């Protein structure tokens, strides 16, 4: 399972298209406060974050995920404007596994989704 904490329709559609091509289901969380509950319930392999969406509090969410021992294995991947060096540093320090500029994130997403595909039974 993949959860995307993304409320921008353009980015959501890009993520959906790439996930569809990779054969992965994505659940979108677009409201502040709903992401942590969705992650606790869903136990996703990967969480995608739009770091530029302050109302979604992505850095606070990362800290909450990393503070919960049961959620520490969740892989976190985030995208951000390339001019946001401070935010990139803050995200990495908070525990985001992969932080990329938007221009690099979307081309790399298919590979990330393939890496986090659950093993076949």
N, C-alpha and C. Protein backbone atom coordinates (compact mmCIF):
# COMPACT_ATOMS: atom_id res chain seq x y z
N UNK A 1 0.83 -1.18 0.00
CA UNK A 1 0.00 0.00 0.00
C UNK A 1 0.88 1.25 0.00
N UNK A 2 0.43 2.25 -0.71
CA UNK A 2 1.11 3.54 -0.78
C UNK A 2 0.11 4.60 -0.36
N UNK A 3 0.54 5.49 0.50
CA UNK A 3 -0.28 6.64 0.90
C UNK A 3 0.44 7.90 0.44
N UNK A 4 -0.29 8.78 -0.21
CA UNK A 4 0.26 10.06 -0.67
C UNK A 4 -0.43 11.19 0.10
N UNK A 5 0.36 11.94 0.84
CA UNK A 5 -0.16 13.10 1.56
C UNK A 5 0.06 14.29 0.64
N UNK A 6 -0.89 14.42 -0.29
CA UNK A 6 -0.77 15.39 -1.37
C UNK A 6 -2.17 15.93 -1.65
N UNK A 7 -2.31 17.26 -1.64
CA UNK A 7 -3.63 17.83 -1.91
C UNK A 7 -3.69 18.60 -3.24
N UNK A 8 -2.58 18.71 -3.92
CA UNK A 8 -2.54 19.40 -5.21
C UNK A 8 -3.02 18.43 -6.29
N UNK A 9 -4.02 18.84 -7.06
CA UNK A 9 -4.60 17.95 -8.06
C UNK A 9 -3.63 17.57 -9.19
N UNK A 10 -2.78 18.49 -9.59
CA UNK A 10 -1.81 18.19 -10.64
C UNK A 10 -0.84 17.11 -10.17
N UNK A 11 -0.29 17.28 -8.97
CA UNK A 11 0.66 16.29 -8.45
C UNK A 11 -0.04 14.97 -8.15
N UNK A 12 -1.27 15.04 -7.66
CA UNK A 12 -2.04 13.82 -7.39
C UNK A 12 -2.24 13.03 -8.68
N UNK A 13 -2.57 13.72 -9.75
CA UNK A 13 -2.81 13.01 -11.01
C UNK A 13 -1.52 12.40 -11.55
N UNK A 14 -0.39 13.08 -11.37
CA UNK A 14 0.90 12.52 -11.80
C UNK A 14 1.22 11.26 -11.00
N UNK A 15 1.02 11.33 -9.69
CA UNK A 15 1.28 10.17 -8.83
C UNK A 15 0.37 9.01 -9.22
N UNK A 16 -0.91 9.31 -9.41
CA UNK A 16 -1.88 8.26 -9.77
C UNK A 16 -1.48 7.59 -11.09
N UNK A 17 -1.10 8.38 -12.09
CA UNK A 17 -0.73 7.82 -13.39
C UNK A 17 0.50 6.92 -13.28
N UNK A 18 1.50 7.36 -12.54
CA UNK A 18 2.72 6.55 -12.38
C UNK A 18 2.41 5.29 -11.58
N UNK A 19 1.61 5.42 -10.54
CA UNK A 19 1.24 4.25 -9.73
C UNK A 19 0.43 3.25 -10.54
N UNK A 20 -0.48 3.74 -11.36
CA UNK A 20 -1.27 2.85 -12.21
C UNK A 20 -0.36 2.07 -13.15
N UNK A 21 0.61 2.75 -13.75
CA UNK A 21 1.54 2.08 -14.66
C UNK A 21 2.37 1.03 -13.93
N UNK A 22 2.64 1.28 -12.64
CA UNK A 22 3.43 0.34 -11.84
C UNK A 22 2.57 -0.74 -11.20
N UNK A 23 1.25 -0.64 -11.39
CA UNK A 23 0.35 -1.62 -10.80
C UNK A 23 0.20 -1.48 -9.30
N UNK A 24 0.31 -0.25 -8.80
CA UNK A 24 0.22 0.00 -7.35
C UNK A 24 -1.01 0.83 -7.03
N UNK A 25 -1.62 0.52 -5.91
CA UNK A 25 -2.74 1.30 -5.41
C UNK A 25 -2.21 2.43 -4.54
N UNK A 26 -2.81 3.59 -4.69
CA UNK A 26 -2.42 4.76 -3.89
C UNK A 26 -3.66 5.31 -3.22
N UNK A 27 -3.54 5.57 -1.93
CA UNK A 27 -4.58 6.26 -1.17
C UNK A 27 -4.10 7.68 -0.94
N UNK A 28 -4.93 8.65 -1.28
CA UNK A 28 -4.56 10.05 -1.09
C UNK A 28 -5.18 10.58 0.18
N UNK A 29 -4.38 11.32 0.94
CA UNK A 29 -4.86 12.03 2.12
C UNK A 29 -4.69 13.51 1.82
N UNK A 30 -5.80 14.23 1.82
CA UNK A 30 -5.76 15.63 1.40
C UNK A 30 -6.12 16.61 2.52
N UNK A 31 -6.47 16.08 3.68
CA UNK A 31 -6.91 16.94 4.78
C UNK A 31 -5.90 16.92 5.92
N UNK A 32 -5.63 18.08 6.52
CA UNK A 32 -4.75 18.10 7.69
C UNK A 32 -5.34 17.22 8.79
N UNK A 33 -4.48 16.53 9.46
CA UNK A 33 -4.93 15.72 10.59
C UNK A 33 -5.33 14.31 10.25
N UNK A 34 -5.62 13.99 9.01
CA UNK A 34 -6.05 12.65 8.66
C UNK A 34 -4.93 11.71 8.28
N UNK A 35 -3.76 12.24 8.02
CA UNK A 35 -2.67 11.42 7.49
C UNK A 35 -2.15 10.40 8.49
N UNK A 36 -1.89 10.81 9.70
CA UNK A 36 -1.32 9.87 10.67
C UNK A 36 -2.28 8.71 10.92
N UNK A 37 -3.57 9.00 11.06
CA UNK A 37 -4.54 7.92 11.25
C UNK A 37 -4.55 6.97 10.07
N UNK A 38 -4.50 7.50 8.86
CA UNK A 38 -4.48 6.66 7.66
C UNK A 38 -3.24 5.78 7.62
N UNK A 39 -2.11 6.31 8.04
CA UNK A 39 -0.86 5.56 8.04
C UNK A 39 -0.89 4.48 9.11
N UNK A 40 -1.39 4.80 10.28
CA UNK A 40 -1.50 3.80 11.36
C UNK A 40 -2.41 2.66 10.92
N UNK A 41 -3.55 2.99 10.32
CA UNK A 41 -4.50 1.95 9.88
C UNK A 41 -3.97 1.15 8.69
N UNK A 42 -3.35 1.84 7.74
CA UNK A 42 -2.96 1.20 6.49
C UNK A 42 -1.61 0.51 6.51
N UNK A 43 -0.71 0.92 7.39
CA UNK A 43 0.65 0.38 7.44
C UNK A 43 1.26 0.30 6.03
N UNK A 44 1.35 1.43 5.36
CA UNK A 44 1.86 1.42 3.98
C UNK A 44 3.35 1.10 3.93
N UNK A 45 3.78 0.62 2.79
CA UNK A 45 5.21 0.41 2.55
C UNK A 45 5.88 1.75 2.25
N UNK A 46 5.11 2.67 1.65
CA UNK A 46 5.66 3.95 1.22
C UNK A 46 4.65 5.06 1.47
N UNK A 47 5.14 6.18 2.00
CA UNK A 47 4.34 7.39 2.14
C UNK A 47 5.01 8.47 1.31
N UNK A 48 4.23 9.12 0.47
CA UNK A 48 4.71 10.20 -0.39
C UNK A 48 4.20 11.51 0.21
N UNK A 49 5.10 12.47 0.34
CA UNK A 49 4.77 13.76 0.95
C UNK A 49 5.11 14.92 0.04
N UNK A 50 4.21 15.89 -0.01
CA UNK A 50 4.48 17.17 -0.68
C UNK A 50 4.91 18.13 0.41
N UNK A 51 6.20 18.39 0.51
CA UNK A 51 6.73 19.21 1.59
C UNK A 51 6.32 20.67 1.51
N UNK A 52 5.89 21.11 0.35
CA UNK A 52 5.52 22.51 0.19
C UNK A 52 4.12 22.83 0.70
N UNK A 53 3.37 21.85 1.11
CA UNK A 53 1.98 22.06 1.54
C UNK A 53 1.92 22.20 3.06
N UNK A 54 2.24 23.38 3.55
CA UNK A 54 2.27 23.65 4.98
C UNK A 54 0.99 23.27 5.72
N UNK A 55 -0.21 23.49 5.14
CA UNK A 55 -1.42 23.11 5.88
C UNK A 55 -1.48 21.62 6.22
N UNK A 56 -0.78 20.79 5.46
CA UNK A 56 -0.77 19.36 5.73
C UNK A 56 0.29 18.99 6.78
N UNK A 57 1.10 19.94 7.19
CA UNK A 57 2.16 19.77 8.20
C UNK A 57 3.02 18.53 7.92
N UNK A 58 3.67 18.48 6.77
CA UNK A 58 4.43 17.29 6.42
C UNK A 58 5.60 17.00 7.38
N UNK A 59 6.28 18.02 7.86
CA UNK A 59 7.41 17.79 8.77
C UNK A 59 6.89 17.26 10.12
N UNK A 60 5.80 17.81 10.60
CA UNK A 60 5.19 17.30 11.83
C UNK A 60 4.77 15.84 11.67
N UNK A 61 4.24 15.52 10.51
CA UNK A 61 3.83 14.14 10.22
C UNK A 61 5.04 13.22 10.22
N UNK A 62 6.11 13.64 9.60
CA UNK A 62 7.34 12.82 9.57
C UNK A 62 7.81 12.57 11.00
N UNK A 63 7.83 13.59 11.81
CA UNK A 63 8.28 13.42 13.21
C UNK A 63 7.38 12.45 13.97
N UNK A 64 6.08 12.53 13.74
CA UNK A 64 5.14 11.63 14.41
C UNK A 64 5.35 10.19 13.95
N UNK A 65 5.59 10.00 12.67
CA UNK A 65 5.85 8.64 12.14
C UNK A 65 7.12 8.08 12.74
N UNK A 66 8.17 8.86 12.74
CA UNK A 66 9.46 8.39 13.25
C UNK A 66 9.45 8.20 14.76
N UNK A 67 8.53 8.85 15.46
CA UNK A 67 8.43 8.69 16.92
C UNK A 67 7.68 7.42 17.30
N UNK A 68 6.95 6.82 16.38
CA UNK A 68 6.16 5.62 16.65
C UNK A 68 6.97 4.39 16.23
N UNK A 69 7.40 3.56 17.17
CA UNK A 69 8.22 2.39 16.81
C UNK A 69 7.55 1.48 15.77
N UNK A 70 6.25 1.37 15.79
CA UNK A 70 5.55 0.50 14.84
C UNK A 70 5.58 1.07 13.42
N UNK A 71 5.78 2.38 13.29
CA UNK A 71 5.77 3.02 11.97
C UNK A 71 7.17 3.30 11.42
N UNK A 72 8.19 3.08 12.22
CA UNK A 72 9.55 3.40 11.76
C UNK A 72 9.94 2.70 10.47
N UNK A 73 9.47 1.47 10.19
CA UNK A 73 9.85 0.84 8.91
C UNK A 73 9.23 1.48 7.67
N UNK A 74 8.23 2.31 7.85
CA UNK A 74 7.57 2.95 6.69
C UNK A 74 8.58 3.82 5.96
N UNK A 75 8.68 3.63 4.66
CA UNK A 75 9.60 4.44 3.85
C UNK A 75 8.91 5.75 3.50
N UNK A 76 9.63 6.85 3.65
CA UNK A 76 9.10 8.19 3.38
C UNK A 76 9.83 8.81 2.20
N UNK A 77 9.06 9.25 1.22
CA UNK A 77 9.62 9.92 0.04
C UNK A 77 8.90 11.24 -0.13
N UNK A 78 9.65 12.30 -0.38
CA UNK A 78 9.05 13.63 -0.45
C UNK A 78 9.58 14.41 -1.64
N UNK A 79 8.72 15.31 -2.11
CA UNK A 79 9.14 16.24 -3.16
C UNK A 79 8.91 17.66 -2.69
N UNK A 80 9.68 18.57 -3.30
CA UNK A 80 9.71 19.96 -2.85
C UNK A 80 10.23 20.83 -3.99
N UNK A 81 9.95 22.13 -3.92
CA UNK A 81 10.55 23.06 -4.88
C UNK A 81 12.08 23.00 -4.75
N UNK A 82 12.77 23.09 -5.85
CA UNK A 82 14.23 22.99 -5.82
C UNK A 82 14.88 24.15 -5.07
N UNK A 83 14.15 25.21 -4.84
CA UNK A 83 14.70 26.38 -4.15
C UNK A 83 14.54 26.30 -2.64
N UNK A 84 14.02 25.21 -2.14
CA UNK A 84 13.71 25.08 -0.70
C UNK A 84 14.79 24.30 0.05
N UNK A 85 16.02 24.79 -0.01
CA UNK A 85 17.15 24.08 0.61
C UNK A 85 16.94 23.86 2.11
N UNK A 86 16.43 24.87 2.80
CA UNK A 86 16.20 24.74 4.24
C UNK A 86 15.17 23.66 4.56
N UNK A 87 14.13 23.61 3.78
CA UNK A 87 13.08 22.61 3.98
C UNK A 87 13.59 21.21 3.66
N UNK A 88 14.42 21.10 2.65
CA UNK A 88 15.02 19.81 2.30
C UNK A 88 15.86 19.30 3.46
N UNK A 89 16.68 20.17 4.02
CA UNK A 89 17.52 19.80 5.16
C UNK A 89 16.66 19.40 6.36
N UNK A 90 15.65 20.18 6.64
CA UNK A 90 14.76 19.88 7.77
C UNK A 90 14.07 18.52 7.60
N UNK A 91 13.63 18.23 6.38
CA UNK A 91 12.96 16.96 6.11
C UNK A 91 13.92 15.79 6.32
N UNK A 92 15.11 15.91 5.83
CA UNK A 92 16.10 14.84 6.00
C UNK A 92 16.43 14.63 7.48
N UNK A 93 16.58 15.73 8.20
CA UNK A 93 16.86 15.61 9.64
C UNK A 93 15.70 14.99 10.40
N UNK A 94 14.47 15.24 9.95
CA UNK A 94 13.29 14.69 10.61
C UNK A 94 13.12 13.20 10.32
N UNK A 95 13.73 12.71 9.22
CA UNK A 95 13.67 11.29 8.94
C UNK A 95 13.11 10.88 7.60
N UNK A 96 12.95 11.81 6.66
CA UNK A 96 12.49 11.44 5.32
C UNK A 96 13.63 10.69 4.62
N UNK A 97 13.31 9.55 4.05
CA UNK A 97 14.32 8.71 3.41
C UNK A 97 14.80 9.28 2.08
N UNK A 98 13.87 9.79 1.27
CA UNK A 98 14.22 10.34 -0.05
C UNK A 98 13.54 11.70 -0.19
N UNK A 99 14.35 12.74 -0.38
CA UNK A 99 13.82 14.08 -0.63
C UNK A 99 14.39 14.54 -1.96
N UNK A 100 13.50 14.83 -2.91
CA UNK A 100 13.94 15.25 -4.23
C UNK A 100 13.17 16.49 -4.68
N UNK A 101 13.81 17.26 -5.52
CA UNK A 101 13.10 18.36 -6.18
C UNK A 101 12.01 17.75 -7.04
N UNK A 102 10.94 18.50 -7.24
CA UNK A 102 9.82 17.99 -8.05
C UNK A 102 10.29 17.46 -9.40
N UNK A 103 11.20 18.18 -10.02
CA UNK A 103 11.66 17.81 -11.36
C UNK A 103 12.35 16.44 -11.37
N UNK A 104 12.93 16.03 -10.27
CA UNK A 104 13.59 14.73 -10.17
C UNK A 104 12.68 13.67 -9.56
N UNK A 105 11.73 14.10 -8.74
CA UNK A 105 10.88 13.15 -8.02
C UNK A 105 10.00 12.31 -8.94
N UNK A 106 9.28 12.97 -9.81
CA UNK A 106 8.31 12.24 -10.62
C UNK A 106 8.97 11.25 -11.58
N UNK A 107 10.11 11.58 -12.21
CA UNK A 107 10.79 10.56 -13.02
C UNK A 107 11.30 9.38 -12.18
N UNK A 108 11.61 9.60 -10.91
CA UNK A 108 12.13 8.54 -10.03
C UNK A 108 11.03 7.74 -9.34
N UNK A 109 9.80 8.21 -9.39
CA UNK A 109 8.72 7.59 -8.63
C UNK A 109 8.44 6.14 -9.05
N UNK A 110 8.47 5.83 -10.32
CA UNK A 110 8.20 4.46 -10.76
C UNK A 110 9.19 3.49 -10.12
N UNK A 111 10.44 3.87 -10.08
CA UNK A 111 11.46 3.01 -9.45
C UNK A 111 11.21 2.88 -7.95
N UNK A 112 10.84 3.97 -7.28
CA UNK A 112 10.53 3.89 -5.85
C UNK A 112 9.37 2.95 -5.59
N UNK A 113 8.36 3.02 -6.43
CA UNK A 113 7.20 2.15 -6.27
C UNK A 113 7.59 0.69 -6.50
N UNK A 114 8.47 0.42 -7.43
CA UNK A 114 8.92 -0.94 -7.68
C UNK A 114 9.74 -1.47 -6.51
N UNK A 115 10.55 -0.62 -5.91
CA UNK A 115 11.38 -1.02 -4.76
C UNK A 115 10.51 -1.41 -3.57
N UNK A 116 9.37 -0.75 -3.42
CA UNK A 116 8.52 -0.98 -2.26
C UNK A 116 7.37 -1.94 -2.54
N UNK A 117 7.43 -2.64 -3.67
CA UNK A 117 6.37 -3.61 -3.97
C UNK A 117 6.49 -4.78 -3.00
N UNK A 118 5.38 -5.15 -2.36
CA UNK A 118 5.42 -6.30 -1.46
C UNK A 118 5.78 -7.57 -2.22
N UNK A 119 6.50 -8.45 -1.56
CA UNK A 119 6.88 -9.73 -2.17
C UNK A 119 5.64 -10.58 -2.41
N UNK A 120 5.67 -11.34 -3.48
CA UNK A 120 4.55 -12.24 -3.78
C UNK A 120 4.52 -13.37 -2.77
N UNK A 121 3.32 -13.85 -2.41
CA UNK A 121 3.24 -14.93 -1.39
C UNK A 121 3.78 -16.23 -1.92
